[in-house]
């Protein structure tokens, strides 16, 4: 089936979060990212990201076989190598052997990260927020949007919020949207002139386009072709417009304001929004989205940082490492 030597212990793997510097790595992991590069002699090598249910780690393979070169993001691979923490390059796996995995060599449950918040709790919080919206047309729209027996609700309830950076795991989109909406509702309560129901709806729906922009059924989420070509903001706006059109009596002014929250939630044109937030509700949703995503990215980086380290690796969302402070014990922050 392949000419690579078998890798001892392929069916027994160490969770990424438990790896220690110098430890051998033998087992199956999901390939979440792959880049082919060329060294100074023109020889191809691979940079990868390996993922399991506990986390993600960078990897490099300087002598890939023809089979290894054909590996794609989303594939499950069997790795033979060594984990190390380099002062300059950070944590990574130096791969010696790499091949695609057979179905019997892994359990998908070991490789798919899941929200640390239970699905039942997430569902309860979602229902509470939807029920708190007093405007009947808006509440009915949310009920249609998050109906698990149809789309986009069926995908929304299980989808990741991102390929990486924050909430990049099963139920991550629901978890992130709830935190944004709950935080936005708290902020809205401080300002009498803010429409709380519209703010909650915008918080819950702001990323609804990700149900189409990212894959949610595989072991490692990837962007879909439509997600690359159209972007999640355009797709989210179109989904919300379709949901509005299902109600012929939906108030036009409310529709206008809700759609504005969706298209402006990235805050700046340079970050993908065609317009900046221009209503109180849109401003609140944008800043709550940005803040909660950054905090989640810091949380993820801290969890991936070796015990005793005062600083995380550079975090994309803040363009800097995060400071953890002194840690007297591995489990102290």
C-alpha atoms as a PDB file:
ATOM      1  CA  UNK A   1       0.000   0.000   0.000  1.00  0.00           C
ATOM      2  CA  UNK A   2       2.990   2.293   0.642  1.00  0.00           C
ATOM      3  CA  UNK A   3       6.747   1.837   0.660  1.00  0.00           C
ATOM      4  CA  UNK A   4       7.352   3.671   3.927  1.00  0.00           C
ATOM      5  CA  UNK A   5       8.465   1.508   6.855  1.00  0.00           C
ATOM      6  CA  UNK A   6       5.827   0.943   9.494  1.00  0.00           C
ATOM      7  CA  UNK A   7       6.014   3.258  12.462  1.00  0.00           C
ATOM      8  CA  UNK A   8       6.032   1.490  15.823  1.00  0.00           C
ATOM      9  CA  UNK A   9       3.168   2.548  18.058  1.00  0.00           C
ATOM     10  CA  UNK A  10       1.176   4.091  15.218  1.00  0.00           C
ATOM     11  CA  UNK A  11      -2.055   3.152  16.937  1.00  0.00           C
ATOM     12  CA  UNK A  12      -0.842   4.553  20.290  1.00  0.00           C
ATOM     13  CA  UNK A  13      -0.253   8.258  20.386  1.00  0.00           C
ATOM     14  CA  UNK A  14       0.603  10.857  22.977  1.00  0.00           C
ATOM     15  CA  UNK A  15      -1.741  13.836  23.230  1.00  0.00           C
ATOM     16  CA  UNK A  16      -0.107  17.000  21.914  1.00  0.00           C
ATOM     17  CA  UNK A  17      -0.723  18.864  25.148  1.00  0.00           C
ATOM     18  CA  UNK A  18       1.248  16.188  27.033  1.00  0.00           C
ATOM     19  CA  UNK A  19       4.370  16.222  24.825  1.00  0.00           C
ATOM     20  CA  UNK A  20       7.663  17.103  26.513  1.00  0.00           C
ATOM     21  CA  UNK A  21      10.874  18.299  24.894  1.00  0.00           C
ATOM     22  CA  UNK A  22      12.966  15.403  23.623  1.00  0.00           C
ATOM     23  CA  UNK A  23      10.050  12.984  23.623  1.00  0.00           C
ATOM     24  CA  UNK A  24       9.569  10.621  20.664  1.00  0.00           C
ATOM     25  CA  UNK A  25       6.365  11.179  18.704  1.00  0.00           C
ATOM     26  CA  UNK A  26       4.768   8.081  17.198  1.00  0.00           C
ATOM     27  CA  UNK A  27       1.128   8.010  16.214  1.00  0.00           C
ATOM     28  CA  UNK A  28      -1.755   9.401  14.226  1.00  0.00           C
ATOM     29  CA  UNK A  29      -2.628  13.101  14.091  1.00  0.00           C
ATOM     30  CA  UNK A  30      -4.752  15.308  11.856  1.00  0.00           C
ATOM     31  CA  UNK A  31      -2.812  17.498   9.432  1.00  0.00           C
ATOM     32  CA  UNK A  32      -4.434  20.929   9.777  1.00  0.00           C
ATOM     33  CA  UNK A  33      -1.949  22.855   7.637  1.00  0.00           C
ATOM     34  CA  UNK A  34       0.715  21.955   5.069  1.00  0.00           C
ATOM     35  CA  UNK A  35       3.212  24.099   3.194  1.00  0.00           C
ATOM     36  CA  UNK A  36       5.778  22.790   0.725  1.00  0.00           C
ATOM     37  CA  UNK A  37       9.032  24.755   0.605  1.00  0.00           C
ATOM     38  CA  UNK A  38      12.436  24.335  -1.037  1.00  0.00           C
ATOM     39  CA  UNK A  39      15.827  24.428   0.644  1.00  0.00           C
ATOM     40  CA  UNK A  40      18.944  26.110  -0.774  1.00  0.00           C
ATOM     41  CA  UNK A  41      19.764  22.970  -2.748  1.00  0.00           C
ATOM     42  CA  UNK A  42      16.355  22.866  -4.405  1.00  0.00           C
ATOM     43  CA  UNK A  43      15.089  19.926  -2.331  1.00  0.00           C
ATOM     44  CA  UNK A  44      11.469  20.017  -1.188  1.00  0.00           C
ATOM     45  CA  UNK A  45      10.587  19.899   2.507  1.00  0.00           C
ATOM     46  CA  UNK A  46       7.337  20.229   4.442  1.00  0.00           C
ATOM     47  CA  UNK A  47       6.061  22.521   7.162  1.00  0.00           C
ATOM     48  CA  UNK A  48       2.921  21.224   8.816  1.00  0.00           C
ATOM     49  CA  UNK A  49       0.556  21.759  11.702  1.00  0.00           C
ATOM     50  CA  UNK A  50      -0.495  18.603  13.517  1.00  0.00           C
ATOM     51  CA  UNK A  51      -3.680  18.561  15.557  1.00  0.00           C
ATOM     52  CA  UNK A  52      -5.503  16.326  17.980  1.00  0.00           C
ATOM     53  CA  UNK A  53      -8.303  16.885  20.458  1.00  0.00           C
ATOM     54  CA  UNK A  54      -5.904  18.493  22.944  1.00  0.00           C
ATOM     55  CA  UNK A  55      -4.200  21.059  20.718  1.00  0.00           C
ATOM     56  CA  UNK A  56      -1.976  21.817  17.749  1.00  0.00           C
ATOM     57  CA  UNK A  57       1.780  21.775  17.160  1.00  0.00           C
ATOM     58  CA  UNK A  58       4.082  22.838  14.338  1.00  0.00           C
ATOM     59  CA  UNK A  59       6.101  20.173  12.533  1.00  0.00           C
ATOM     60  CA  UNK A  60       8.829  20.064   9.910  1.00  0.00           C
ATOM     61  CA  UNK A  61       9.886  17.220   7.606  1.00  0.00           C
ATOM     62  CA  UNK A  62      13.142  17.653   5.694  1.00  0.00           C
ATOM     63  CA  UNK A  63      13.109  14.368   3.770  1.00  0.00           C
ATOM     64  CA  UNK A  64       9.529  13.700   2.637  1.00  0.00           C
ATOM     65  CA  UNK A  65       8.631  10.716   0.489  1.00  0.00           C
ATOM     66  CA  UNK A  66       6.511  11.091  -2.623  1.00  0.00           C
ATOM     67  CA  UNK A  67       3.521   9.942  -0.559  1.00  0.00           C
ATOM     68  CA  UNK A  68       4.214  12.546   2.112  1.00  0.00           C
ATOM     69  CA  UNK A  69       4.367  15.298  -0.505  1.00  0.00           C
ATOM     70  CA  UNK A  70       0.826  14.358  -1.582  1.00  0.00           C
ATOM     71  CA  UNK A  71      -0.645  14.769   1.915  1.00  0.00           C
ATOM     72  CA  UNK A  72      -3.341  17.465   2.131  1.00  0.00           C
ATOM     73  CA  UNK A  73      -4.715  19.527   5.024  1.00  0.00           C
ATOM     74  CA  UNK A  74      -7.516  17.560   6.643  1.00  0.00           C
ATOM     75  CA  UNK A  75      -5.779  14.199   6.141  1.00  0.00           C
ATOM     76  CA  UNK A  76      -4.918  11.966   9.073  1.00  0.00           C
ATOM     77  CA  UNK A  77      -1.230  11.104   9.097  1.00  0.00           C
ATOM     78  CA  UNK A  78       1.000   8.759  11.037  1.00  0.00           C
ATOM     79  CA  UNK A  79       4.106  10.513  12.300  1.00  0.00           C
ATOM     80  CA  UNK A  80       7.462   9.271  13.511  1.00  0.00           C
ATOM     81  CA  UNK A  81       9.705  11.941  14.965  1.00  0.00           C
ATOM     82  CA  UNK A  82      10.794  13.912  18.016  1.00  0.00           C
ATOM     83  CA  UNK A  83       9.167  16.812  19.854  1.00  0.00           C
ATOM     84  CA  UNK A  84      11.425  19.662  20.912  1.00  0.00           C
ATOM     85  CA  UNK A  85      11.154  23.204  22.241  1.00  0.00           C
ATOM     86  CA  UNK A  86      13.729  25.418  20.523  1.00  0.00           C
ATOM     87  CA  UNK A  87      14.582  28.839  22.028  1.00  0.00           C
ATOM     88  CA  UNK A  88      14.336  30.452  18.584  1.00  0.00           C
ATOM     89  CA  UNK A  89      11.793  28.318  16.702  1.00  0.00           C
ATOM     90  CA  UNK A  90       9.548  27.316  19.598  1.00  0.00           C
ATOM     91  CA  UNK A  91       7.789  23.976  19.965  1.00  0.00           C
ATOM     92  CA  UNK A  92       7.781  21.681  16.959  1.00  0.00           C
ATOM     93  CA  UNK A  93       7.999  18.059  15.874  1.00  0.00           C
ATOM     94  CA  UNK A  94      11.012  17.063  13.803  1.00  0.00           C
ATOM     95  CA  UNK A  95       9.500  14.424  11.529  1.00  0.00           C
ATOM     96  CA  UNK A  96      11.581  11.515  10.260  1.00  0.00           C
ATOM     97  CA  UNK A  97       8.765   9.427   8.796  1.00  0.00           C
ATOM     98  CA  UNK A  98       5.350  10.459   7.565  1.00  0.00           C
ATOM     99  CA  UNK A  99       2.522   8.698   5.773  1.00  0.00           C
ATOM    100  CA  UNK A 100      -1.242   8.760   5.504  1.00  0.00           C
ATOM    101  CA  UNK A 101      -3.037   6.792   8.211  1.00  0.00           C
ATOM    102  CA  UNK A 102      -5.284   3.803   7.739  1.00  0.00           C
ATOM    103  CA  UNK A 103      -8.783   3.997   9.225  1.00  0.00           C
ATOM    104  CA  UNK A 104      -7.998   1.412  11.890  1.00  0.00           C
ATOM    105  CA  UNK A 105      -4.990   3.385  13.145  1.00  0.00           C
ATOM    106  CA  UNK A 106      -6.923   6.185  14.809  1.00  0.00           C
ATOM    107  CA  UNK A 107     -10.110   7.089  16.614  1.00  0.00           C
ATOM    108  CA  UNK A 108     -11.624  10.307  15.192  1.00  0.00           C
ATOM    109  CA  UNK A 109     -12.728  11.310  18.698  1.00  0.00           C
ATOM    110  CA  UNK A 110      -9.036  11.586  19.669  1.00  0.00           C
ATOM    111  CA  UNK A 111      -8.333  14.062  16.876  1.00  0.00           C
ATOM    112  CA  UNK A 112     -11.276  16.491  16.867  1.00  0.00           C
ATOM    113  CA  UNK A 113     -11.054  19.369  19.364  1.00  0.00           C
ATOM    114  CA  UNK A 114     -14.376  20.078  21.060  1.00  0.00           C
ATOM    115  CA  UNK A 115     -15.572  23.109  23.001  1.00  0.00           C
ATOM    116  CA  UNK A 116     -14.680  22.813  26.690  1.00  0.00           C
ATOM    117  CA  UNK A 117     -18.235  23.955  27.407  1.00  0.00           C
ATOM    118  CA  UNK A 118     -20.753  21.126  27.255  1.00  0.00           C
ATOM    119  CA  UNK A 119     -23.220  21.011  24.374  1.00  0.00           C
ATOM    120  CA  UNK A 120     -26.197  20.982  26.766  1.00  0.00           C
ATOM    121  CA  UNK A 121     -25.003  24.147  28.497  1.00  0.00           C
ATOM    122  CA  UNK A 122     -24.414  25.891  25.173  1.00  0.00           C
ATOM    123  CA  UNK A 123     -27.911  24.972  23.986  1.00  0.00           C
ATOM    124  CA  UNK A 124     -29.463  26.226  27.224  1.00  0.00           C
ATOM    125  CA  UNK A 125     -27.660  29.559  26.951  1.00  0.00           C
ATOM    126  CA  UNK A 126     -28.710  29.917  23.309  1.00  0.00           C
ATOM    127  CA  UNK A 127     -32.367  29.306  24.105  1.00  0.00           C
ATOM    128  CA  UNK A 128     -32.234  31.792  26.991  1.00  0.00           C
ATOM    129  CA  UNK A 129     -30.832  34.521  24.759  1.00  0.00           C
ATOM    130  CA  UNK A 130     -33.320  33.901  21.967  1.00  0.00           C
ATOM    131  CA  UNK A 131     -36.224  33.902  24.435  1.00  0.00           C
ATOM    132  CA  UNK A 132     -35.001  37.215  25.898  1.00  0.00           C
ATOM    133  CA  UNK A 133     -35.553  39.033  22.581  1.00  0.00           C
ATOM    134  CA  UNK A 134     -38.912  40.793  22.889  1.00  0.00           C
ATOM    135  CA  UNK A 135     -39.480  41.914  19.289  1.00  0.00           C
ATOM    136  CA  UNK A 136     -41.557  39.039  17.825  1.00  0.00           C
ATOM    137  CA  UNK A 137     -40.251  39.126  14.247  1.00  0.00           C
ATOM    138  CA  UNK A 138     -36.642  39.234  15.439  1.00  0.00           C
ATOM    139  CA  UNK A 139     -37.178  36.411  17.919  1.00  0.00           C
ATOM    140  CA  UNK A 140     -38.856  34.293  15.227  1.00  0.00           C
ATOM    141  CA  UNK A 141     -35.926  34.936  12.877  1.00  0.00           C
ATOM    142  CA  UNK A 142     -33.498  33.684  15.527  1.00  0.00           C
ATOM    143  CA  UNK A 143     -35.627  30.587  16.065  1.00  0.00           C
ATOM    144  CA  UNK A 144     -35.463  29.856  12.333  1.00  0.00           C
ATOM    145  CA  UNK A 145     -31.729  30.548  12.183  1.00  0.00           C
ATOM    146  CA  UNK A 146     -30.860  28.157  15.015  1.00  0.00           C
ATOM    147  CA  UNK A 147     -33.340  25.395  14.269  1.00  0.00           C
ATOM    148  CA  UNK A 148     -31.165  22.292  14.371  1.00  0.00           C
ATOM    149  CA  UNK A 149     -33.416  20.435  11.927  1.00  0.00           C
ATOM    150  CA  UNK A 150     -32.562  22.795   9.029  1.00  0.00           C
ATOM    151  CA  UNK A 151     -29.783  24.989   7.735  1.00  0.00           C
ATOM    152  CA  UNK A 152     -28.018  27.098   8.760  1.00  0.00           C
ATOM    153  CA  UNK A 153     -28.872  25.946  12.298  1.00  0.00           C
ATOM    154  CA  UNK A 154     -27.786  22.323  11.896  1.00  0.00           C
ATOM    155  CA  UNK A 155     -24.281  23.405  10.913  1.00  0.00           C
ATOM    156  CA  UNK A 156     -24.134  26.407  13.261  1.00  0.00           C
ATOM    157  CA  UNK A 157     -24.584  24.209  16.323  1.00  0.00           C
ATOM    158  CA  UNK A 158     -21.477  22.111  15.563  1.00  0.00           C
ATOM    159  CA  UNK A 159     -19.245  24.323  13.387  1.00  0.00           C
ATOM    160  CA  UNK A 160     -15.872  25.796  14.386  1.00  0.00           C
ATOM    161  CA  UNK A 161     -15.537  29.579  14.636  1.00  0.00           C
ATOM    162  CA  UNK A 162     -12.281  29.591  12.681  1.00  0.00           C
ATOM    163  CA  UNK A 163      -9.669  27.417  11.027  1.00  0.00           C
ATOM    164  CA  UNK A 164      -7.295  28.660  13.729  1.00  0.00           C
ATOM    165  CA  UNK A 165      -6.707  31.717  15.960  1.00  0.00           C
ATOM    166  CA  UNK A 166      -9.807  31.291  18.179  1.00  0.00           C
ATOM    167  CA  UNK A 167     -12.562  28.750  18.898  1.00  0.00           C
ATOM    168  CA  UNK A 168     -11.243  26.488  16.120  1.00  0.00           C
ATOM    169  CA  UNK A 169     -13.047  23.394  17.388  1.00  0.00           C
ATOM    170  CA  UNK A 170     -16.395  21.617  17.269  1.00  0.00           C
ATOM    171  CA  UNK A 171     -19.169  23.836  18.724  1.00  0.00           C
ATOM    172  CA  UNK A 172     -16.690  26.736  18.613  1.00  0.00           C
ATOM    173  CA  UNK A 173     -18.941  28.961  16.491  1.00  0.00           C
ATOM    174  CA  UNK A 174     -21.834  28.537  18.904  1.00  0.00           C
ATOM    175  CA  UNK A 175     -19.613  29.148  21.935  1.00  0.00           C
ATOM    176  CA  UNK A 176     -18.032  32.274  20.434  1.00  0.00           C
ATOM    177  CA  UNK A 177     -21.361  33.697  19.251  1.00  0.00           C
ATOM    178  CA  UNK A 178     -22.890  33.163  22.685  1.00  0.00           C
ATOM    179  CA  UNK A 179     -20.032  34.938  24.450  1.00  0.00           C
ATOM    180  CA  UNK A 180     -20.266  37.850  22.009  1.00  0.00           C
ATOM    181  CA  UNK A 181     -24.053  38.115  22.384  1.00  0.00           C
ATOM    182  CA  UNK A 182     -23.983  37.777  26.177  1.00  0.00           C
ATOM    183  CA  UNK A 183     -21.245  40.389  26.503  1.00  0.00           C
ATOM    184  CA  UNK A 184     -23.015  42.698  24.060  1.00  0.00           C
ATOM    185  CA  UNK A 185     -26.268  42.315  26.014  1.00  0.00           C
ATOM    186  CA  UNK A 186     -24.482  43.382  29.200  1.00  0.00           C
ATOM    187  CA  UNK A 187     -23.049  46.448  27.451  1.00  0.00           C
ATOM    188  CA  UNK A 188     -26.404  47.308  25.879  1.00  0.00           C
ATOM    189  CA  UNK A 189     -28.051  47.299  29.303  1.00  0.00           C
ATOM    190  CA  UNK A 190     -25.831  50.265  30.266  1.00  0.00           C
ATOM    191  CA  UNK A 191     -27.246  52.454  27.508  1.00  0.00           C
ATOM    192  CA  UNK A 192     -31.013  53.116  27.452  1.00  0.00           C
ATOM    193  CA  UNK A 193     -30.892  54.284  23.834  1.00  0.00           C
ATOM    194  CA  UNK A 194     -29.518  50.934  22.599  1.00  0.00           C
ATOM    195  CA  UNK A 195     -31.894  48.298  21.213  1.00  0.00           C
ATOM    196  CA  UNK A 196     -30.944  45.287  23.334  1.00  0.00           C
ATOM    197  CA  UNK A 197     -32.829  42.767  21.197  1.00  0.00           C
ATOM    198  CA  UNK A 198     -31.131  43.928  18.016  1.00  0.00           C
ATOM    199  CA  UNK A 199     -27.768  43.840  19.784  1.00  0.00           C
ATOM    200  CA  UNK A 200     -28.342  40.268  20.985  1.00  0.00           C
ATOM    201  CA  UNK A 201     -29.497  39.164  17.532  1.00  0.00           C
ATOM    202  CA  UNK A 202     -26.476  40.788  15.904  1.00  0.00           C
ATOM    203  CA  UNK A 203     -24.148  39.099  18.381  1.00  0.00           C
ATOM    204  CA  UNK A 204     -25.665  35.690  17.719  1.00  0.00           C
ATOM    205  CA  UNK A 205     -25.779  36.096  13.943  1.00  0.00           C
ATOM    206  CA  UNK A 206     -22.619  38.083  13.211  1.00  0.00           C
ATOM    207  CA  UNK A 207     -20.599  35.011  12.146  1.00  0.00           C
ATOM    208  CA  UNK A 208     -23.445  32.972  10.633  1.00  0.00           C
ATOM    209  CA  UNK A 209     -21.642  33.046   7.267  1.00  0.00           C
ATOM    210  CA  UNK A 210     -18.994  30.742   8.716  1.00  0.00           C
ATOM    211  CA  UNK A 211     -21.465  27.881   8.415  1.00  0.00           C
ATOM    212  CA  UNK A 212     -20.754  28.106   4.673  1.00  0.00           C
ATOM    213  CA  UNK A 213     -17.207  29.485   4.744  1.00  0.00           C
ATOM    214  CA  UNK A 214     -15.630  26.624   6.739  1.00  0.00           C
ATOM    215  CA  UNK A 215     -15.939  22.867   6.630  1.00  0.00           C
ATOM    216  CA  UNK A 216     -17.355  21.369   9.804  1.00  0.00           C
ATOM    217  CA  UNK A 217     -17.513  17.640   9.160  1.00  0.00           C
ATOM    218  CA  UNK A 218     -13.820  16.762   8.861  1.00  0.00           C
ATOM    219  CA  UNK A 219     -11.039  16.266  11.367  1.00  0.00           C
ATOM    220  CA  UNK A 220      -9.444  19.664  10.707  1.00  0.00           C
ATOM    221  CA  UNK A 221     -11.589  22.620   9.586  1.00  0.00           C
ATOM    222  CA  UNK A 222     -10.672  24.192   6.249  1.00  0.00           C
ATOM    223  CA  UNK A 223     -12.018  27.091   4.218  1.00  0.00           C
ATOM    224  CA  UNK A 224     -14.472  26.117   1.516  1.00  0.00           C
ATOM    225  CA  UNK A 225     -14.094  27.346  -2.056  1.00  0.00           C
ATOM    226  CA  UNK A 226     -17.060  29.663  -1.515  1.00  0.00           C
ATOM    227  CA  UNK A 227     -15.492  30.928   1.696  1.00  0.00           C
ATOM    228  CA  UNK A 228     -12.311  31.843  -0.148  1.00  0.00           C
ATOM    229  CA  UNK A 229     -14.116  33.428  -3.091  1.00  0.00           C
ATOM    230  CA  UNK A 230     -16.888  35.314  -1.288  1.00  0.00           C
ATOM    231  CA  UNK A 231     -15.835  35.667   2.358  1.00  0.00           C
ATOM    232  CA  UNK A 232     -17.870  34.941   5.454  1.00  0.00           C
ATOM    233  CA  UNK A 233     -19.259  38.478   5.796  1.00  0.00           C
ATOM    234  CA  UNK A 234     -20.901  38.445   2.364  1.00  0.00           C
ATOM    235  CA  UNK A 235     -22.172  34.922   2.954  1.00  0.00           C
ATOM    236  CA  UNK A 236     -23.497  35.849   6.388  1.00  0.00           C
ATOM    237  CA  UNK A 237     -25.316  38.884   5.035  1.00  0.00           C
ATOM    238  CA  UNK A 238     -26.933  36.749   2.327  1.00  0.00           C
ATOM    239  CA  UNK A 239     -28.037  34.140   4.875  1.00  0.00           C
ATOM    240  CA  UNK A 240     -29.578  36.763   7.152  1.00  0.00           C
ATOM    241  CA  UNK A 241     -31.329  38.417   4.216  1.00  0.00           C
ATOM    242  CA  UNK A 242     -32.807  35.033   3.234  1.00  0.00           C
ATOM    243  CA  UNK A 243     -34.025  34.459   6.791  1.00  0.00           C
ATOM    244  CA  UNK A 244     -35.626  37.902   6.815  1.00  0.00           C
ATOM    245  CA  UNK A 245     -37.358  37.233   3.489  1.00  0.00           C
ATOM    246  CA  UNK A 246     -39.099  34.198   4.990  1.00  0.00           C
ATOM    247  CA  UNK A 247     -41.184  36.678   7.020  1.00  0.00           C
ATOM    248  CA  UNK A 248     -43.117  38.992   4.696  1.00  0.00           C
ATOM    249  CA  UNK A 249     -44.052  41.227   7.644  1.00  0.00           C
ATOM    250  CA  UNK A 250     -40.504  41.681   8.967  1.00  0.00           C
ATOM    251  CA  UNK A 251     -40.055  45.422   9.734  1.00  0.00           C
ATOM    252  CA  UNK A 252     -37.910  47.012   6.977  1.00  0.00           C
ATOM    253  CA  UNK A 253     -36.077  49.373   9.345  1.00  0.00           C
ATOM    254  CA  UNK A 254     -35.181  46.494  11.666  1.00  0.00           C
ATOM    255  CA  UNK A 255     -33.956  44.467   8.679  1.00  0.00           C
ATOM    256  CA  UNK A 256     -31.788  47.381   7.563  1.00  0.00           C
ATOM    257  CA  UNK A 257     -30.191  47.726  10.991  1.00  0.00           C
ATOM    258  CA  UNK A 258     -29.645  43.989  11.498  1.00  0.00           C
ATOM    259  CA  UNK A 259     -27.978  43.580   8.116  1.00  0.00           C
ATOM    260  CA  UNK A 260     -25.723  46.531   8.957  1.00  0.00           C
ATOM    261  CA  UNK A 261     -24.533  44.771  12.120  1.00  0.00           C
ATOM    262  CA  UNK A 262     -23.551  41.738  10.041  1.00  0.00           C
ATOM    263  CA  UNK A 263     -21.631  43.564   7.315  1.00  0.00           C
ATOM    264  CA  UNK A 264     -19.814  45.942   9.696  1.00  0.00           C
ATOM    265  CA  UNK A 265     -18.770  43.579  12.482  1.00  0.00           C
ATOM    266  CA  UNK A 266     -15.088  43.406  11.465  1.00  0.00           C
ATOM    267  CA  UNK A 267     -14.943  47.107  12.169  1.00  0.00           C
ATOM    268  CA  UNK A 268     -12.700  48.296   9.357  1.00  0.00           C
ATOM    269  CA  UNK A 269     -12.620  47.942   5.604  1.00  0.00           C
ATOM    270  CA  UNK A 270      -9.020  46.721   5.853  1.00  0.00           C
ATOM    271  CA  UNK A 271     -10.285  43.759   7.889  1.00  0.00           C
ATOM    272  CA  UNK A 272     -13.000  42.758   5.455  1.00  0.00           C
ATOM    273  CA  UNK A 273     -16.051  44.812   6.365  1.00  0.00           C
ATOM    274  CA  UNK A 274     -17.447  46.815   3.429  1.00  0.00           C
ATOM    275  CA  UNK A 275     -18.573  49.520   5.873  1.00  0.00           C
ATOM    276  CA  UNK A 276     -17.601  50.602   9.396  1.00  0.00           C
ATOM    277  CA  UNK A 277     -20.098  50.266  12.279  1.00  0.00           C
ATOM    278  CA  UNK A 278     -22.474  53.227  12.097  1.00  0.00           C
ATOM    279  CA  UNK A 279     -25.122  52.382  14.694  1.00  0.00           C
ATOM    280  CA  UNK A 280     -24.826  51.888  18.447  1.00  0.00           C
ATOM    281  CA  UNK A 281     -25.721  48.225  18.159  1.00  0.00           C
ATOM    282  CA  UNK A 282     -23.161  47.592  15.405  1.00  0.00           C
ATOM    283  CA  UNK A 283     -20.443  49.360  17.415  1.00  0.00           C
ATOM    284  CA  UNK A 284     -21.170  47.207  20.462  1.00  0.00           C
ATOM    285  CA  UNK A 285     -21.187  43.937  18.498  1.00  0.00           C
ATOM    286  CA  UNK A 286     -17.933  44.800  16.717  1.00  0.00           C
ATOM    287  CA  UNK A 287     -15.996  45.561  19.883  1.00  0.00           C
ATOM    288  CA  UNK A 288     -17.425  42.606  21.797  1.00  0.00           C
ATOM    289  CA  UNK A 289     -16.526  40.297  18.900  1.00  0.00           C
ATOM    290  CA  UNK A 290     -12.991  41.655  18.665  1.00  0.00           C
ATOM    291  CA  UNK A 291     -12.388  41.587  22.422  1.00  0.00           C
ATOM    292  CA  UNK A 292     -13.695  38.083  23.056  1.00  0.00           C
ATOM    293  CA  UNK A 293     -11.810  36.648  20.063  1.00  0.00           C
ATOM    294  CA  UNK A 294      -8.535  38.190  21.274  1.00  0.00           C
ATOM    295  CA  UNK A 295      -9.030  36.862  24.788  1.00  0.00           C
ATOM    296  CA  UNK A 296      -9.782  33.379  23.435  1.00  0.00           C
ATOM    297  CA  UNK A 297      -6.608  33.528  21.319  1.00  0.00           C
ATOM    298  CA  UNK A 298      -4.566  34.404  24.416  1.00  0.00           C
ATOM    299  CA  UNK A 299      -6.200  31.534  26.317  1.00  0.00           C
ATOM    300  CA  UNK A 300      -5.282  29.098  23.529  1.00  0.00           C
ATOM    301  CA  UNK A 301      -1.697  30.372  23.385  1.00  0.00           C
ATOM    302  CA  UNK A 302      -1.269  30.031  27.141  1.00  0.00           C
ATOM    303  CA  UNK A 303      -2.603  26.481  27.060  1.00  0.00           C
ATOM    304  CA  UNK A 304      -0.034  25.596  24.371  1.00  0.00           C
ATOM    305  CA  UNK A 305       2.901  27.187  26.220  1.00  0.00           C
ATOM    306  CA  UNK A 306       5.284  24.870  28.109  1.00  0.00           C
ATOM    307  CA  UNK A 307       5.024  25.015  31.896  1.00  0.00           C
ATOM    308  CA  UNK A 308       7.263  27.615  33.496  1.00  0.00           C
ATOM    309  CA  UNK A 309       7.455  29.900  30.460  1.00  0.00           C
ATOM    310  CA  UNK A 310       6.580  33.525  31.203  1.00  0.00           C
ATOM    311  CA  UNK A 311       5.650  34.364  27.610  1.00  0.00           C
ATOM    312  CA  UNK A 312       3.618  32.623  24.931  1.00  0.00           C
ATOM    313  CA  UNK A 313       4.632  32.416  21.294  1.00  0.00           C
ATOM    314  CA  UNK A 314       3.504  35.285  19.060  1.00  0.00           C
ATOM    315  CA  UNK A 315      -0.281  35.417  18.797  1.00  0.00           C
ATOM    316  CA  UNK A 316      -1.610  36.389  15.382  1.00  0.00           C
ATOM    317  CA  UNK A 317      -4.634  38.271  16.686  1.00  0.00           C
ATOM    318  CA  UNK A 318      -2.618  40.629  18.888  1.00  0.00           C
ATOM    319  CA  UNK A 319       0.570  40.567  16.761  1.00  0.00           C
ATOM    320  CA  UNK A 320       2.648  39.892  19.872  1.00  0.00           C
ATOM    321  CA  UNK A 321       3.278  37.250  22.513  1.00  0.00           C
ATOM    322  CA  UNK A 322       1.186  37.366  25.695  1.00  0.00           C
ATOM    323  CA  UNK A 323       2.703  37.705  29.157  1.00  0.00           C
ATOM    324  CA  UNK A 324       1.767  34.962  31.602  1.00  0.00           C
ATOM    325  CA  UNK A 325       3.931  36.001  34.512  1.00  0.00           C
ATOM    326  CA  UNK A 326       5.950  33.771  36.843  1.00  0.00           C
ATOM    327  CA  UNK A 327       4.738  30.207  37.319  1.00  0.00           C
ATOM    328  CA  UNK A 328       5.995  28.491  40.444  1.00  0.00           C
ATOM    329  CA  UNK A 329       4.207  25.277  39.510  1.00  0.00           C
ATOM    330  CA  UNK A 330       3.182  23.859  36.107  1.00  0.00           C
ATOM    331  CA  UNK A 331      -0.522  24.350  36.837  1.00  0.00           C
ATOM    332  CA  UNK A 332      -0.213  27.908  38.156  1.00  0.00           C
ATOM    333  CA  UNK A 333      -0.624  30.979  36.027  1.00  0.00           C
END
